[in-house]
């Protein structure tokens, strides 16, 4: 792989996934101190991103698993997860179990939850990746995919690093249970509105 493709792939990944670091930090903070949480978050991030890449690569070759009008409705995934998290937090607070940052989850976010948020939040990524992949050719496309998959690990490490900085960790420990539902709901609403779902 030549340096030009490497640099372009890294730049494209960074620009299209900068918001994921905050979401990952919130997920890592939510599951802090719970065994297996980091592995589930990383697995979920990879699952979600592999789904994004599968759709983008297929579309670059002319297949369309997700018609353009359907993509804005991916916002329903993080919206539903955010509402569920908010409901769970409210119920735990009402029942007096709100001091447990993971509430009734017992182990922080699950891999499928992380994957769903990653995939839904990557709907716009698909729109960017498809024309790049379609014009890059099979060899360069393979290079892009390899770089993207390597950078997913870097993004996970950055999210975990951010979540463990003393000031950030204290803030997320105090407010993460409120921020995570708000961020997920916000992502869902932005995806729905920017895509014109339901005539918005």
C-alpha atoms as a PDB file:
ATOM      1  CA  UNK A   1       0.000   0.000   0.000  1.00  0.00           C
ATOM      2  CA  UNK A   2       1.496   3.351  -0.951  1.00  0.00           C
ATOM      3  CA  UNK A   3       1.836   6.223   1.498  1.00  0.00           C
ATOM      4  CA  UNK A   4      -0.696   8.329  -0.384  1.00  0.00           C
ATOM      5  CA  UNK A   5      -3.489   5.789   0.102  1.00  0.00           C
ATOM      6  CA  UNK A   6      -2.454   5.307   3.727  1.00  0.00           C
ATOM      7  CA  UNK A   7      -2.640   9.043   4.434  1.00  0.00           C
ATOM      8  CA  UNK A   8      -5.914   9.497   2.557  1.00  0.00           C
ATOM      9  CA  UNK A   9      -7.510   6.555   4.355  1.00  0.00           C
ATOM     10  CA  UNK A  10      -6.360   7.781   7.775  1.00  0.00           C
ATOM     11  CA  UNK A  11      -7.607  11.294   7.069  1.00  0.00           C
ATOM     12  CA  UNK A  12     -10.964  10.069   5.771  1.00  0.00           C
ATOM     13  CA  UNK A  13     -11.457   7.845   8.801  1.00  0.00           C
ATOM     14  CA  UNK A  14     -10.579  10.620  11.248  1.00  0.00           C
ATOM     15  CA  UNK A  15     -12.883  13.164   9.630  1.00  0.00           C
ATOM     16  CA  UNK A  16     -15.862  10.809   9.441  1.00  0.00           C
ATOM     17  CA  UNK A  17     -15.469   9.292  12.924  1.00  0.00           C
ATOM     18  CA  UNK A  18     -14.395  12.134  15.194  1.00  0.00           C
ATOM     19  CA  UNK A  19     -17.716  12.048  17.057  1.00  0.00           C
ATOM     20  CA  UNK A  20     -17.248   8.358  17.898  1.00  0.00           C
ATOM     21  CA  UNK A  21     -14.509   9.128  20.432  1.00  0.00           C
ATOM     22  CA  UNK A  22     -16.994  10.894  22.737  1.00  0.00           C
ATOM     23  CA  UNK A  23     -19.507   8.050  22.415  1.00  0.00           C
ATOM     24  CA  UNK A  24     -16.799   5.470  23.114  1.00  0.00           C
ATOM     25  CA  UNK A  25     -15.619   7.444  26.166  1.00  0.00           C
ATOM     26  CA  UNK A  26     -19.185   7.464  27.495  1.00  0.00           C
ATOM     27  CA  UNK A  27     -19.505   3.713  26.927  1.00  0.00           C
ATOM     28  CA  UNK A  28     -16.161   3.032  28.650  1.00  0.00           C
ATOM     29  CA  UNK A  29     -17.147   5.270  31.580  1.00  0.00           C
ATOM     30  CA  UNK A  30     -20.509   3.511  31.871  1.00  0.00           C
ATOM     31  CA  UNK A  31     -18.828   0.129  32.243  1.00  0.00           C
ATOM     32  CA  UNK A  32     -15.836   1.250  34.332  1.00  0.00           C
ATOM     33  CA  UNK A  33     -14.666  -1.382  36.798  1.00  0.00           C
ATOM     34  CA  UNK A  34     -16.808  -4.129  35.322  1.00  0.00           C
ATOM     35  CA  UNK A  35     -15.127  -7.229  33.969  1.00  0.00           C
ATOM     36  CA  UNK A  36     -15.407  -7.775  30.240  1.00  0.00           C
ATOM     37  CA  UNK A  37     -16.814  -4.329  29.443  1.00  0.00           C
ATOM     38  CA  UNK A  38     -13.825  -3.166  27.384  1.00  0.00           C
ATOM     39  CA  UNK A  39     -13.907  -6.350  25.287  1.00  0.00           C
ATOM     40  CA  UNK A  40     -17.639  -5.938  24.636  1.00  0.00           C
ATOM     41  CA  UNK A  41     -17.236  -2.289  23.645  1.00  0.00           C
ATOM     42  CA  UNK A  42     -14.364  -3.069  21.260  1.00  0.00           C
ATOM     43  CA  UNK A  43     -16.265  -6.046  19.805  1.00  0.00           C
ATOM     44  CA  UNK A  44     -19.355  -3.900  19.340  1.00  0.00           C
ATOM     45  CA  UNK A  45     -17.394  -1.110  17.708  1.00  0.00           C
ATOM     46  CA  UNK A  46     -15.836  -3.583  15.277  1.00  0.00           C
ATOM     47  CA  UNK A  47     -19.189  -5.231  14.535  1.00  0.00           C
ATOM     48  CA  UNK A  48     -20.819  -1.891  13.815  1.00  0.00           C
ATOM     49  CA  UNK A  49     -17.955  -0.645  11.689  1.00  0.00           C
ATOM     50  CA  UNK A  50     -17.715  -3.920   9.755  1.00  0.00           C
ATOM     51  CA  UNK A  51     -21.412  -3.521   8.936  1.00  0.00           C
ATOM     52  CA  UNK A  52     -20.752   0.034   7.705  1.00  0.00           C
ATOM     53  CA  UNK A  53     -17.874  -1.192   5.533  1.00  0.00           C
ATOM     54  CA  UNK A  54     -19.889  -4.145   4.176  1.00  0.00           C
ATOM     55  CA  UNK A  55     -22.686  -1.835   3.046  1.00  0.00           C
ATOM     56  CA  UNK A  56     -20.238   0.729   1.600  1.00  0.00           C
ATOM     57  CA  UNK A  57     -18.189  -1.877  -0.301  1.00  0.00           C
ATOM     58  CA  UNK A  58     -21.315  -3.572  -1.654  1.00  0.00           C
ATOM     59  CA  UNK A  59     -22.742  -0.225  -2.750  1.00  0.00           C
ATOM     60  CA  UNK A  60     -19.446   0.661  -4.429  1.00  0.00           C
ATOM     61  CA  UNK A  61     -19.858  -2.468  -6.542  1.00  0.00           C
ATOM     62  CA  UNK A  62     -23.441  -1.527  -7.391  1.00  0.00           C
ATOM     63  CA  UNK A  63     -25.392  -3.450  -4.750  1.00  0.00           C
ATOM     64  CA  UNK A  64     -27.767  -1.499  -2.537  1.00  0.00           C
ATOM     65  CA  UNK A  65     -28.735  -3.147   0.722  1.00  0.00           C
ATOM     66  CA  UNK A  66     -29.914   0.160   2.137  1.00  0.00           C
ATOM     67  CA  UNK A  67     -31.762   2.409  -0.290  1.00  0.00           C
ATOM     68  CA  UNK A  68     -31.008   6.108   0.297  1.00  0.00           C
ATOM     69  CA  UNK A  69     -34.496   6.861   1.674  1.00  0.00           C
ATOM     70  CA  UNK A  70     -33.976   4.240   4.414  1.00  0.00           C
ATOM     71  CA  UNK A  71     -30.678   5.616   5.770  1.00  0.00           C
ATOM     72  CA  UNK A  72     -32.185   8.517   7.792  1.00  0.00           C
ATOM     73  CA  UNK A  73     -34.353   6.026   9.682  1.00  0.00           C
ATOM     74  CA  UNK A  74     -31.190   4.497  11.173  1.00  0.00           C
ATOM     75  CA  UNK A  75     -31.547   7.370  13.632  1.00  0.00           C
ATOM     76  CA  UNK A  76     -34.290   5.366  15.316  1.00  0.00           C
ATOM     77  CA  UNK A  77     -31.630   2.948  16.706  1.00  0.00           C
ATOM     78  CA  UNK A  78     -29.672   5.413  18.889  1.00  0.00           C
ATOM     79  CA  UNK A  79     -32.904   7.282  19.687  1.00  0.00           C
ATOM     80  CA  UNK A  80     -34.500   4.094  21.037  1.00  0.00           C
ATOM     81  CA  UNK A  81     -31.334   3.116  22.934  1.00  0.00           C
ATOM     82  CA  UNK A  82     -31.110   6.617  24.434  1.00  0.00           C
ATOM     83  CA  UNK A  83     -34.745   6.594  25.534  1.00  0.00           C
ATOM     84  CA  UNK A  84     -34.262   3.119  27.005  1.00  0.00           C
ATOM     85  CA  UNK A  85     -31.132   4.251  28.897  1.00  0.00           C
ATOM     86  CA  UNK A  86     -32.938   7.356  30.187  1.00  0.00           C
ATOM     87  CA  UNK A  87     -35.917   5.253  31.312  1.00  0.00           C
ATOM     88  CA  UNK A  88     -33.617   2.772  33.061  1.00  0.00           C
ATOM     89  CA  UNK A  89     -31.748   5.588  34.817  1.00  0.00           C
ATOM     90  CA  UNK A  90     -34.981   7.252  35.924  1.00  0.00           C
ATOM     91  CA  UNK A  91     -36.345   3.941  37.227  1.00  0.00           C
ATOM     92  CA  UNK A  92     -33.093   3.179  39.089  1.00  0.00           C
ATOM     93  CA  UNK A  93     -33.064   6.667  40.597  1.00  0.00           C
ATOM     94  CA  UNK A  94     -36.682   6.287  41.701  1.00  0.00           C
ATOM     95  CA  UNK A  95     -35.937   2.869  43.203  1.00  0.00           C
ATOM     96  CA  UNK A  96     -32.828   4.151  44.978  1.00  0.00           C
ATOM     97  CA  UNK A  97     -30.335   2.159  42.890  1.00  0.00           C
ATOM     98  CA  UNK A  98     -29.110   5.155  40.910  1.00  0.00           C
ATOM     99  CA  UNK A  99     -25.681   5.145  42.608  1.00  0.00           C
ATOM    100  CA  UNK A 100     -24.705   2.192  40.429  1.00  0.00           C
ATOM    101  CA  UNK A 101     -23.433   3.821  37.221  1.00  0.00           C
ATOM    102  CA  UNK A 102     -24.440   0.816  35.184  1.00  0.00           C
ATOM    103  CA  UNK A 103     -27.800   0.526  36.905  1.00  0.00           C
ATOM    104  CA  UNK A 104     -29.388  -2.840  36.388  1.00  0.00           C
ATOM    105  CA  UNK A 105     -27.131  -3.736  33.526  1.00  0.00           C
ATOM    106  CA  UNK A 106     -24.607  -5.462  35.750  1.00  0.00           C
ATOM    107  CA  UNK A 107     -21.785  -5.038  33.260  1.00  0.00           C
ATOM    108  CA  UNK A 108     -22.027  -1.878  31.214  1.00  0.00           C
ATOM    109  CA  UNK A 109     -23.019  -1.695  27.557  1.00  0.00           C
ATOM    110  CA  UNK A 110     -23.383  -4.855  25.506  1.00  0.00           C
ATOM    111  CA  UNK A 111     -21.590  -5.508  22.226  1.00  0.00           C
ATOM    112  CA  UNK A 112     -24.807  -5.391  20.192  1.00  0.00           C
ATOM    113  CA  UNK A 113     -25.828  -2.074  21.754  1.00  0.00           C
ATOM    114  CA  UNK A 114     -22.459  -0.548  20.860  1.00  0.00           C
ATOM    115  CA  UNK A 115     -22.658  -2.060  17.364  1.00  0.00           C
ATOM    116  CA  UNK A 116     -26.149  -0.621  16.805  1.00  0.00           C
ATOM    117  CA  UNK A 117     -25.052   2.878  17.826  1.00  0.00           C
ATOM    118  CA  UNK A 118     -21.877   2.637  15.727  1.00  0.00           C
ATOM    119  CA  UNK A 119     -23.784   1.507  12.649  1.00  0.00           C
ATOM    120  CA  UNK A 120     -26.563   4.062  13.002  1.00  0.00           C
ATOM    121  CA  UNK A 121     -24.091   6.878  13.642  1.00  0.00           C
ATOM    122  CA  UNK A 122     -22.135   5.730  10.559  1.00  0.00           C
ATOM    123  CA  UNK A 123     -24.992   6.163   8.108  1.00  0.00           C
ATOM    124  CA  UNK A 124     -23.406   9.357   6.808  1.00  0.00           C
ATOM    125  CA  UNK A 125     -20.042   7.569   6.618  1.00  0.00           C
ATOM    126  CA  UNK A 126     -21.541   5.187   4.067  1.00  0.00           C
ATOM    127  CA  UNK A 127     -22.479   8.113   1.841  1.00  0.00           C
ATOM    128  CA  UNK A 128     -18.875   9.364   1.961  1.00  0.00           C
ATOM    129  CA  UNK A 129     -17.179   5.977   1.580  1.00  0.00           C
ATOM    130  CA  UNK A 130     -19.194   4.721  -1.404  1.00  0.00           C
ATOM    131  CA  UNK A 131     -17.907   7.194  -4.019  1.00  0.00           C
ATOM    132  CA  UNK A 132     -14.352   6.924  -2.649  1.00  0.00           C
ATOM    133  CA  UNK A 133     -14.446   3.118  -2.842  1.00  0.00           C
ATOM    134  CA  UNK A 134     -16.137   3.129  -6.238  1.00  0.00           C
ATOM    135  CA  UNK A 135     -13.389   5.256  -7.786  1.00  0.00           C
ATOM    136  CA  UNK A 136     -10.454   3.750  -5.876  1.00  0.00           C
ATOM    137  CA  UNK A 137     -10.347   0.304  -7.492  1.00  0.00           C
ATOM    138  CA  UNK A 138     -10.211  -3.038  -5.715  1.00  0.00           C
ATOM    139  CA  UNK A 139      -6.580  -2.774  -4.563  1.00  0.00           C
ATOM    140  CA  UNK A 140      -6.912   0.694  -3.073  1.00  0.00           C
ATOM    141  CA  UNK A 141     -10.283  -0.209  -1.556  1.00  0.00           C
ATOM    142  CA  UNK A 142      -8.620  -3.099   0.270  1.00  0.00           C
ATOM    143  CA  UNK A 143      -6.056  -0.627   1.577  1.00  0.00           C
ATOM    144  CA  UNK A 144      -8.767   1.727   2.803  1.00  0.00           C
ATOM    145  CA  UNK A 145     -10.581  -1.099   4.591  1.00  0.00           C
ATOM    146  CA  UNK A 146      -7.361  -2.342   6.249  1.00  0.00           C
ATOM    147  CA  UNK A 147      -6.477   1.158   7.486  1.00  0.00           C
ATOM    148  CA  UNK A 148     -10.023   1.757   8.726  1.00  0.00           C
ATOM    149  CA  UNK A 149     -10.043  -1.499  10.685  1.00  0.00           C
ATOM    150  CA  UNK A 150      -6.665  -0.714  12.252  1.00  0.00           C
ATOM    151  CA  UNK A 151      -7.887   2.760  13.218  1.00  0.00           C
ATOM    152  CA  UNK A 152     -10.996   1.351  14.904  1.00  0.00           C
ATOM    153  CA  UNK A 153      -8.620  -0.102  17.521  1.00  0.00           C
ATOM    154  CA  UNK A 154      -6.901   3.287  17.860  1.00  0.00           C
ATOM    155  CA  UNK A 155     -10.295   4.971  18.297  1.00  0.00           C
ATOM    156  CA  UNK A 156     -11.269   2.462  21.002  1.00  0.00           C
ATOM    157  CA  UNK A 157      -7.966   3.092  22.803  1.00  0.00           C
ATOM    158  CA  UNK A 158      -8.509   6.864  22.549  1.00  0.00           C
ATOM    159  CA  UNK A 159     -12.033   6.565  23.933  1.00  0.00           C
ATOM    160  CA  UNK A 160     -10.812   4.462  26.846  1.00  0.00           C
ATOM    161  CA  UNK A 161      -7.873   6.820  27.448  1.00  0.00           C
ATOM    162  CA  UNK A 162     -10.222   9.801  27.508  1.00  0.00           C
ATOM    163  CA  UNK A 163     -12.617   8.051  29.898  1.00  0.00           C
ATOM    164  CA  UNK A 164      -9.782   7.291  32.350  1.00  0.00           C
ATOM    165  CA  UNK A 165      -8.279  10.788  32.598  1.00  0.00           C
ATOM    166  CA  UNK A 166      -8.894  11.933  36.207  1.00  0.00           C
ATOM    167  CA  UNK A 167     -10.937  15.053  35.391  1.00  0.00           C
ATOM    168  CA  UNK A 168     -12.874  13.362  32.584  1.00  0.00           C
ATOM    169  CA  UNK A 169     -13.377  10.201  34.657  1.00  0.00           C
ATOM    170  CA  UNK A 170     -14.751  12.230  37.575  1.00  0.00           C
ATOM    171  CA  UNK A 171     -17.050  14.182  35.266  1.00  0.00           C
ATOM    172  CA  UNK A 172     -18.301  11.079  33.468  1.00  0.00           C
ATOM    173  CA  UNK A 173     -18.701   9.231  36.757  1.00  0.00           C
ATOM    174  CA  UNK A 174     -20.904  12.068  38.014  1.00  0.00           C
ATOM    175  CA  UNK A 175     -22.765  12.930  34.806  1.00  0.00           C
ATOM    176  CA  UNK A 176     -22.217   9.988  32.421  1.00  0.00           C
ATOM    177  CA  UNK A 177     -25.539   8.377  33.338  1.00  0.00           C
ATOM    178  CA  UNK A 178     -27.242  11.582  32.138  1.00  0.00           C
ATOM    179  CA  UNK A 179     -24.924  12.340  29.212  1.00  0.00           C
ATOM    180  CA  UNK A 180     -25.128   8.927  27.530  1.00  0.00           C
ATOM    181  CA  UNK A 181     -28.919   8.961  27.014  1.00  0.00           C
ATOM    182  CA  UNK A 182     -28.790  12.616  25.926  1.00  0.00           C
ATOM    183  CA  UNK A 183     -25.990  11.955  23.417  1.00  0.00           C
ATOM    184  CA  UNK A 184     -27.734   8.885  21.999  1.00  0.00           C
ATOM    185  CA  UNK A 185     -31.071  10.698  21.716  1.00  0.00           C
ATOM    186  CA  UNK A 186     -29.293  13.697  20.161  1.00  0.00           C
ATOM    187  CA  UNK A 187     -27.549  11.505  17.588  1.00  0.00           C
ATOM    188  CA  UNK A 188     -30.837   9.840  16.720  1.00  0.00           C
ATOM    189  CA  UNK A 189     -32.655  13.150  16.299  1.00  0.00           C
ATOM    190  CA  UNK A 190     -29.844  14.645  14.178  1.00  0.00           C
ATOM    191  CA  UNK A 191     -29.793  11.611  11.868  1.00  0.00           C
ATOM    192  CA  UNK A 192     -33.578  11.677  11.499  1.00  0.00           C
ATOM    193  CA  UNK A 193     -33.827  15.438  10.925  1.00  0.00           C
ATOM    194  CA  UNK A 194     -30.790  15.824   8.651  1.00  0.00           C
ATOM    195  CA  UNK A 195     -32.020  12.943   6.498  1.00  0.00           C
ATOM    196  CA  UNK A 196     -35.571  14.234   6.299  1.00  0.00           C
ATOM    197  CA  UNK A 197     -37.119  11.176   7.934  1.00  0.00           C
ATOM    198  CA  UNK A 198     -40.872  11.399   8.560  1.00  0.00           C
ATOM    199  CA  UNK A 199     -40.921  14.552   6.454  1.00  0.00           C
ATOM    200  CA  UNK A 200     -38.861  16.521   9.016  1.00  0.00           C
END
